[in-house]
Amino acid sequence: MRVQVVEDERGLREGLRDLLTGDGHMVAIAGDGPTGLATALAEPFDLIVLDVMMPGLDGFDVCARVRAARPGVAILMLTARGSEDDKVRGLSGGADDYVTKPFGARELLARVRGLARRLGAAAGPERLDVDGAVIDLGRLVASRTGWEPCALTGREAAILRLLHRHRERAVSRAELLETVWGSRGDLATRAVDMAIATLRKKIERDPAEPRIVVTAKGVGYMWGGDGER
């Protein structure tokens, strides 16, 4: 992937460049928010590794502006902050994943590789017309007649792509964790179920009776697709 690292701490910035270059990526670096934003808007990066606390412009603002201009880029946020509010703010602002400092090299690479898999799984239709909903995966927007358009996160789009790609079968929670989250499939977590519940509120006519993202009891989830065009 083409990766941009935006981090004001020089040692960490250069260490991340070396780590990611060693993993086979092409890496550019920036040491402050304004420079990182300008470069992110000018060059076609696949992934931006973005620190939160930076001079000039913080990572939350950079993330929001990049997401608005380049909805297809993956954004991984790095921060010393570990509070739930900061994580929610980052993810709500358009980040695809969030790593709290200090982190290990193996964890960081696992997160990056997970995002790379999600980008690689992007082949397929950019627009899905299903059960009265119009889901634009390229622009990360879902809408229905009479509803206000609703923004999707990169992770939500990746979930929909994966389910649609394998619409002939159920997709397990473990597969979703490994492919979309870049985590181990055997982790005991409700992250998948919580993400699906949030996604259903955005795209389903009735989230209590889903027809697009359907539960496969004992397995995980599958594409419903009633009325798909």
Foldseek 3Di string as FASTA:
>chain_A
DEEEEEAQDVVVQVVVCVLVVVVPYHYDYHRFLVVVLVVLLVDDGQEYEAEADGPPHGRLVSLLVSCQRFVRHAYEYEYQDDDPVVVCSNVVSAHLYYDHPPDDSVVVVLQVVLSVLLSVLPPDDQWKCFPQKIARLRSQWIDHVPDDIDGHHSLLSSVLSVQVVPQVDFAFQLNSCCNRRSDGSPDPDCVLVVSVLVSCVNHAPDSVDRQAWAADPPGGTHGRRHPID
